[in-house]
């Protein structure tokens, strides 16, 4: 009569942790003995990845650099937060279907030829504030050189046009004010130079002349700030260059890792796979 071992307990003299250690040691030994499978899988997969990357189709990439501008208040000394300072606005315009179709028509192409290759990147070294970056690079990839360059320039122009509405209206107002001051100054100078006014009237006009001249100088300075600082504009246009659609280094590395893993699995399962294949071939 045998004594049954208590349920839920391991048999006496058997250590589960020791068995796990033995299993891990066995796996490590199998990998060490059959190292050639690991090496072969790694090398073969790396060669396959290299061949795939070498055969990758070439595309053209073009990048345009845009200055987004920094809007100011009417006095010209208080920074404002507008669409120009919102990074989401830039991405919305760049990836807009309407913009893509408009640019495609202008480039005599289809939006599908470049829609998937549009990207934006903040230019390193530009001053950032609250997540905004005033200088960005807009890139487009396409299979045709002219399409890539034309689309990049077209999208950059769309960004400048849509984000520059506020600055452009300020510029128009300042120009109108300068034109008004110029006409007023010319009229006052003509009146002062005549003989029909008294000395008192001429002194009054000279005071008004001085005020108009100061107003014109202030408007001119604000106009310069609006055109050079506040308004977005294209810094550099896009020119296409040939690039490889698939990264050769990344493809080779990923393929080599996959081959290494497959070689390790084959080394661990060698004792189970080879006998079955031998038995089937012997039938």
Protein backbone atom coordinates (compact mmCIF):
# COMPACT_ATOMS: atom_id res chain seq x y z
CA UNK A 1 0.00 0.00 0.00
CA UNK A 2 1.44 3.36 -1.07
CA UNK A 3 1.04 6.65 0.69
CA UNK A 4 -0.50 9.33 -1.49
CA UNK A 5 1.22 12.66 -1.55
CA UNK A 6 -0.83 15.62 -0.33
CA UNK A 7 -2.62 17.44 -3.09
CA UNK A 8 -1.31 20.86 -4.08
CA UNK A 9 2.21 20.05 -2.88
CA UNK A 10 5.23 19.14 -4.94
CA UNK A 11 6.65 15.61 -4.43
CA UNK A 12 9.30 15.33 -1.78
CA UNK A 13 12.81 16.02 -3.02
CA UNK A 14 11.58 17.93 -6.13
CA UNK A 15 12.37 21.64 -6.40
CA UNK A 16 10.39 23.48 -9.14
CA UNK A 17 12.85 26.39 -9.13
CA UNK A 18 15.72 24.00 -9.68
CA UNK A 19 13.87 22.52 -12.67
CA UNK A 20 13.45 26.00 -14.15
CA UNK A 21 17.12 26.67 -13.72
CA UNK A 22 17.91 23.40 -15.46
CA UNK A 23 15.57 24.34 -18.34
CA UNK A 24 17.16 27.73 -18.80
CA UNK A 25 20.57 26.18 -18.67
CA UNK A 26 19.48 23.65 -21.27
CA UNK A 27 18.18 26.41 -23.57
CA UNK A 28 21.40 28.33 -23.22
CA UNK A 29 23.39 25.17 -24.00
CA UNK A 30 21.30 24.50 -27.10
CA UNK A 31 21.88 28.04 -28.33
CA UNK A 32 25.59 27.75 -27.66
CA UNK A 33 25.91 24.37 -29.42
CA UNK A 34 23.93 25.47 -32.43
CA UNK A 35 25.34 28.98 -32.62
CA UNK A 36 25.76 28.59 -36.33
CA UNK A 37 21.98 28.71 -36.74
CA UNK A 38 21.85 32.07 -35.01
CA UNK A 39 24.77 33.41 -37.00
CA UNK A 40 23.40 32.04 -40.24
CA UNK A 41 19.95 33.51 -39.61
CA UNK A 42 21.43 36.90 -38.75
CA UNK A 43 23.71 37.06 -41.79
CA UNK A 44 21.14 35.69 -44.23
CA UNK A 45 18.41 38.04 -43.03
CA UNK A 46 20.80 41.01 -43.14
CA UNK A 47 21.66 40.18 -46.75
CA UNK A 48 17.99 39.92 -47.62
CA UNK A 49 17.31 43.28 -45.95
CA UNK A 50 20.19 44.87 -47.83
CA UNK A 51 18.86 43.52 -51.11
CA UNK A 52 15.39 44.81 -50.35
CA UNK A 53 16.64 48.27 -49.40
CA UNK A 54 18.86 48.44 -52.48
CA UNK A 55 15.91 47.66 -54.67
CA UNK A 56 13.73 50.32 -53.03
CA UNK A 57 12.20 52.85 -55.37
CA UNK A 58 13.65 56.36 -55.38
CA UNK A 59 11.52 59.41 -54.69
CA UNK A 60 12.16 63.14 -54.73
CA UNK A 61 12.02 65.38 -51.69
CA UNK A 62 11.67 69.17 -51.63
CA UNK A 63 11.63 71.49 -48.61
CA UNK A 64 10.60 75.13 -48.26
CA UNK A 65 11.43 77.16 -45.15
CA UNK A 66 8.79 79.55 -43.83
CA UNK A 67 8.94 82.28 -41.20
CA UNK A 68 5.55 82.30 -39.43
CA UNK A 69 5.92 85.79 -37.98
CA UNK A 70 5.13 87.29 -34.57
CA UNK A 71 2.05 89.53 -34.43
CA UNK A 72 2.01 92.67 -32.25
CA UNK A 73 -0.66 95.03 -31.00
CA UNK A 74 -1.47 98.33 -32.77
CA UNK A 75 1.09 100.12 -30.61
CA UNK A 76 3.74 97.63 -31.75
CA UNK A 77 5.02 96.70 -28.29
CA UNK A 78 2.74 93.87 -27.08
CA UNK A 79 3.01 90.36 -28.53
CA UNK A 80 -0.28 88.72 -29.47
CA UNK A 81 -1.28 85.05 -29.54
CA UNK A 82 -2.95 84.33 -32.88
CA UNK A 83 -3.09 81.55 -35.46
CA UNK A 84 0.51 82.37 -36.37
CA UNK A 85 1.65 81.31 -32.89
CA UNK A 86 -0.50 78.16 -32.77
CA UNK A 87 1.38 75.07 -34.10
CA UNK A 88 -1.94 73.29 -34.72
CA UNK A 89 -2.92 75.94 -37.26
CA UNK A 90 0.17 75.22 -39.35
CA UNK A 91 -0.50 71.47 -39.41
CA UNK A 92 -4.16 72.05 -40.25
CA UNK A 93 -3.24 74.15 -43.28
CA UNK A 94 -0.44 71.88 -44.48
CA UNK A 95 -2.60 68.75 -44.35
CA UNK A 96 -5.79 70.42 -45.58
CA UNK A 97 -7.49 68.62 -48.45
CA UNK A 98 -8.54 71.94 -49.94
CA UNK A 99 -4.96 73.20 -49.95
CA UNK A 100 -3.76 69.92 -51.46
CA UNK A 101 -6.29 70.13 -54.30
CA UNK A 102 -5.50 73.80 -54.98
CA UNK A 103 -1.77 73.12 -55.05
CA UNK A 104 -2.27 70.05 -57.25
CA UNK A 105 -4.21 72.09 -59.82
CA UNK A 106 -1.51 74.75 -59.84
CA UNK A 107 1.20 72.11 -60.30
CA UNK A 108 -0.82 70.26 -62.94
CA UNK A 109 -0.68 67.10 -60.86
CA UNK A 110 -2.89 64.98 -58.63
CA UNK A 111 -3.08 65.48 -54.88
CA UNK A 112 -2.56 61.75 -54.40
CA UNK A 113 0.95 62.12 -55.86
CA UNK A 114 2.21 64.07 -52.83
CA UNK A 115 -0.51 64.06 -50.14
CA UNK A 116 1.10 61.20 -48.19
CA UNK A 117 4.58 62.76 -48.30
CA UNK A 118 3.83 66.09 -46.59
CA UNK A 119 5.60 66.81 -43.31
CA UNK A 120 6.65 69.77 -41.15
CA UNK A 121 9.68 70.25 -38.92
CA UNK A 122 10.73 73.07 -36.63
CA UNK A 123 14.07 74.53 -37.65
CA UNK A 124 16.66 73.95 -34.93
CA UNK A 125 17.94 77.07 -33.25
CA UNK A 126 14.80 79.13 -33.69
CA UNK A 127 13.50 80.80 -30.55
CA UNK A 128 10.59 78.84 -29.10
CA UNK A 129 7.91 80.14 -26.75
CA UNK A 130 4.85 78.29 -25.44
CA UNK A 131 5.40 75.48 -27.90
CA UNK A 132 5.52 77.78 -30.94
CA UNK A 133 8.37 77.98 -33.39
CA UNK A 134 8.57 80.92 -35.83
CA UNK A 135 10.66 79.08 -38.44
CA UNK A 136 9.49 75.76 -39.90
CA UNK A 137 10.47 73.55 -42.80
CA UNK A 138 7.70 72.18 -45.00
CA UNK A 139 8.75 69.05 -46.90
CA UNK A 140 7.03 67.12 -49.67
CA UNK A 141 7.98 63.76 -51.15
CA UNK A 142 6.79 62.63 -54.58
CA UNK A 143 7.92 60.34 -57.36
CA UNK A 144 8.37 63.27 -59.75
CA UNK A 145 10.92 65.99 -59.15
CA UNK A 146 8.78 68.85 -60.45
CA UNK A 147 5.76 67.74 -58.45
CA UNK A 148 7.73 67.64 -55.18
CA UNK A 149 9.22 71.13 -55.65
CA UNK A 150 6.02 72.71 -56.94
CA UNK A 151 3.90 71.19 -54.16
CA UNK A 152 6.32 72.26 -51.42
CA UNK A 153 6.39 75.85 -52.70
CA UNK A 154 2.62 75.87 -53.19
CA UNK A 155 1.90 74.64 -49.66
CA UNK A 156 4.39 77.15 -48.23
CA UNK A 157 2.64 79.96 -50.13
CA UNK A 158 -0.71 78.75 -48.76
CA UNK A 159 0.66 78.86 -45.19
CA UNK A 160 1.98 82.41 -45.69
CA UNK A 161 -1.30 83.57 -47.23
CA UNK A 162 -3.63 82.06 -44.62
CA UNK A 163 -1.55 82.94 -41.57
CA UNK A 164 -0.68 86.42 -42.80
CA UNK A 165 -4.20 87.87 -42.94
CA UNK A 166 -3.85 89.86 -39.72
CA UNK A 167 -0.42 91.24 -40.61
CA UNK A 168 -1.49 92.10 -44.14
CA UNK A 169 -4.43 94.15 -42.91
CA UNK A 170 -2.13 96.05 -40.56
CA UNK A 171 0.26 96.68 -43.44
CA UNK A 172 -2.58 98.03 -45.58
CA UNK A 173 -3.73 100.33 -42.76
CA UNK A 174 -0.24 101.69 -42.17
CA UNK A 175 0.28 102.31 -45.87
CA UNK A 176 -3.02 104.17 -46.06
CA UNK A 177 -2.07 106.23 -43.02
CA UNK A 178 1.34 107.08 -44.50
CA UNK A 179 -0.30 108.08 -47.77
CA UNK A 180 -2.75 110.32 -45.93
CA UNK A 181 0.06 111.93 -43.90
CA UNK A 182 2.12 112.48 -47.04
CA UNK A 183 -0.72 114.30 -48.78
CA UNK A 184 -1.42 116.34 -45.67
CA UNK A 185 2.24 117.32 -45.34
CA UNK A 186 2.42 118.34 -48.99
CA UNK A 187 -0.71 120.45 -48.65
CA UNK A 188 0.51 122.21 -45.53
CA UNK A 189 3.93 122.89 -47.05
CA UNK A 190 2.28 124.34 -50.14
CA UNK A 191 0.07 126.57 -48.01
CA UNK A 192 2.96 127.76 -45.86
CA UNK A 193 4.97 128.60 -48.96
CA UNK A 194 2.17 130.84 -50.32
CA UNK A 195 1.46 134.50 -49.57
CA UNK A 196 -2.27 134.25 -48.85
CA UNK A 197 -1.91 133.28 -45.15
CA UNK A 198 -1.05 135.40 -42.22
CA UNK A 199 1.94 134.76 -40.02
CA UNK A 200 -0.32 133.40 -37.27
CA UNK A 201 -1.98 130.94 -39.65
CA UNK A 202 1.40 129.80 -40.89
CA UNK A 203 2.52 129.14 -37.31
CA UNK A 204 -0.59 127.04 -36.73
CA UNK A 205 0.05 125.10 -39.92
CA UNK A 206 3.66 124.51 -38.93
CA UNK A 207 2.44 122.94 -35.69
CA UNK A 208 0.11 120.72 -37.68
CA UNK A 209 2.93 119.95 -40.11
CA UNK A 210 5.14 118.81 -37.28
CA UNK A 211 2.40 116.53 -35.93
CA UNK A 212 1.79 114.98 -39.36
CA UNK A 213 5.51 114.39 -39.85
CA UNK A 214 5.79 112.65 -36.48
CA UNK A 215 2.72 110.58 -37.25
CA UNK A 216 4.20 109.57 -40.59
CA UNK A 217 7.49 108.55 -38.96
CA UNK A 218 5.67 106.41 -36.37
CA UNK A 219 3.50 104.76 -39.04
CA UNK A 220 6.58 104.09 -41.17
CA UNK A 221 8.33 102.37 -38.28
CA UNK A 222 5.24 100.27 -37.51
CA UNK A 223 4.95 99.39 -41.19
CA UNK A 224 8.54 98.19 -41.21
CA UNK A 225 7.86 96.06 -38.13
CA UNK A 226 4.70 94.64 -39.65
CA UNK A 227 6.40 93.67 -42.92
CA UNK A 228 9.66 92.33 -41.48
CA UNK A 229 8.62 90.88 -38.11
CA UNK A 230 4.89 90.31 -37.96
CA UNK A 231 4.08 89.10 -41.44
CA UNK A 232 4.93 85.49 -42.35
CA UNK A 233 7.01 85.03 -45.45
CA UNK A 234 8.98 82.47 -47.40
CA UNK A 235 12.62 82.29 -46.34
CA UNK A 236 13.88 79.73 -48.85
CA UNK A 237 12.08 78.12 -51.73
CA UNK A 238 11.99 74.39 -52.38
CA UNK A 239 14.28 72.51 -54.75
CA UNK A 240 13.85 68.76 -55.19
CA UNK A 241 16.53 66.14 -54.67
CA UNK A 242 16.49 62.37 -55.08
CA UNK A 243 16.19 60.30 -51.90
CA UNK A 244 15.72 56.62 -51.13
CA UNK A 245 12.21 55.80 -50.03
CA UNK A 246 13.40 53.09 -47.66
CA UNK A 247 16.15 53.55 -45.08
CA UNK A 248 18.88 51.01 -45.89
CA UNK A 249 20.40 50.96 -42.41
CA UNK A 250 17.08 50.51 -40.63
CA UNK A 251 15.99 47.79 -43.03
CA UNK A 252 19.23 45.83 -42.57
CA UNK A 253 19.14 46.13 -38.77
CA UNK A 254 15.51 45.06 -38.46
CA UNK A 255 16.01 42.18 -40.87
CA UNK A 256 19.12 41.02 -38.97
CA UNK A 257 17.23 41.02 -35.66
CA UNK A 258 14.39 39.02 -37.18
CA UNK A 259 16.88 36.53 -38.60
CA UNK A 260 18.58 36.22 -35.20
CA UNK A 261 15.26 35.48 -33.48
CA UNK A 262 14.30 32.91 -36.11
CA UNK A 263 17.73 31.28 -35.83
CA UNK A 264 17.33 31.04 -32.04
CA UNK A 265 13.89 29.43 -32.37
CA UNK A 266 15.23 26.95 -34.90
CA UNK A 267 18.13 26.06 -32.58
CA UNK A 268 15.74 25.40 -29.67
CA UNK A 269 13.33 23.33 -31.77
CA UNK A 270 16.00 21.49 -33.74
CA UNK A 271 15.55 18.21 -31.87
CA UNK A 272 11.83 18.22 -32.62
CA UNK A 273 11.90 19.39 -36.21
CA UNK A 274 14.79 17.35 -37.66
CA UNK A 275 13.56 13.90 -36.53
CA UNK A 276 10.15 14.54 -38.04
CA UNK A 277 11.63 15.66 -41.32
CA UNK A 278 13.94 12.62 -41.38
CA UNK A 279 11.03 10.27 -40.65
CA UNK A 280 8.91 11.73 -43.44
CA UNK A 281 11.75 11.53 -45.94
CA UNK A 282 12.29 7.86 -44.99
CA UNK A 283 8.72 6.85 -45.71
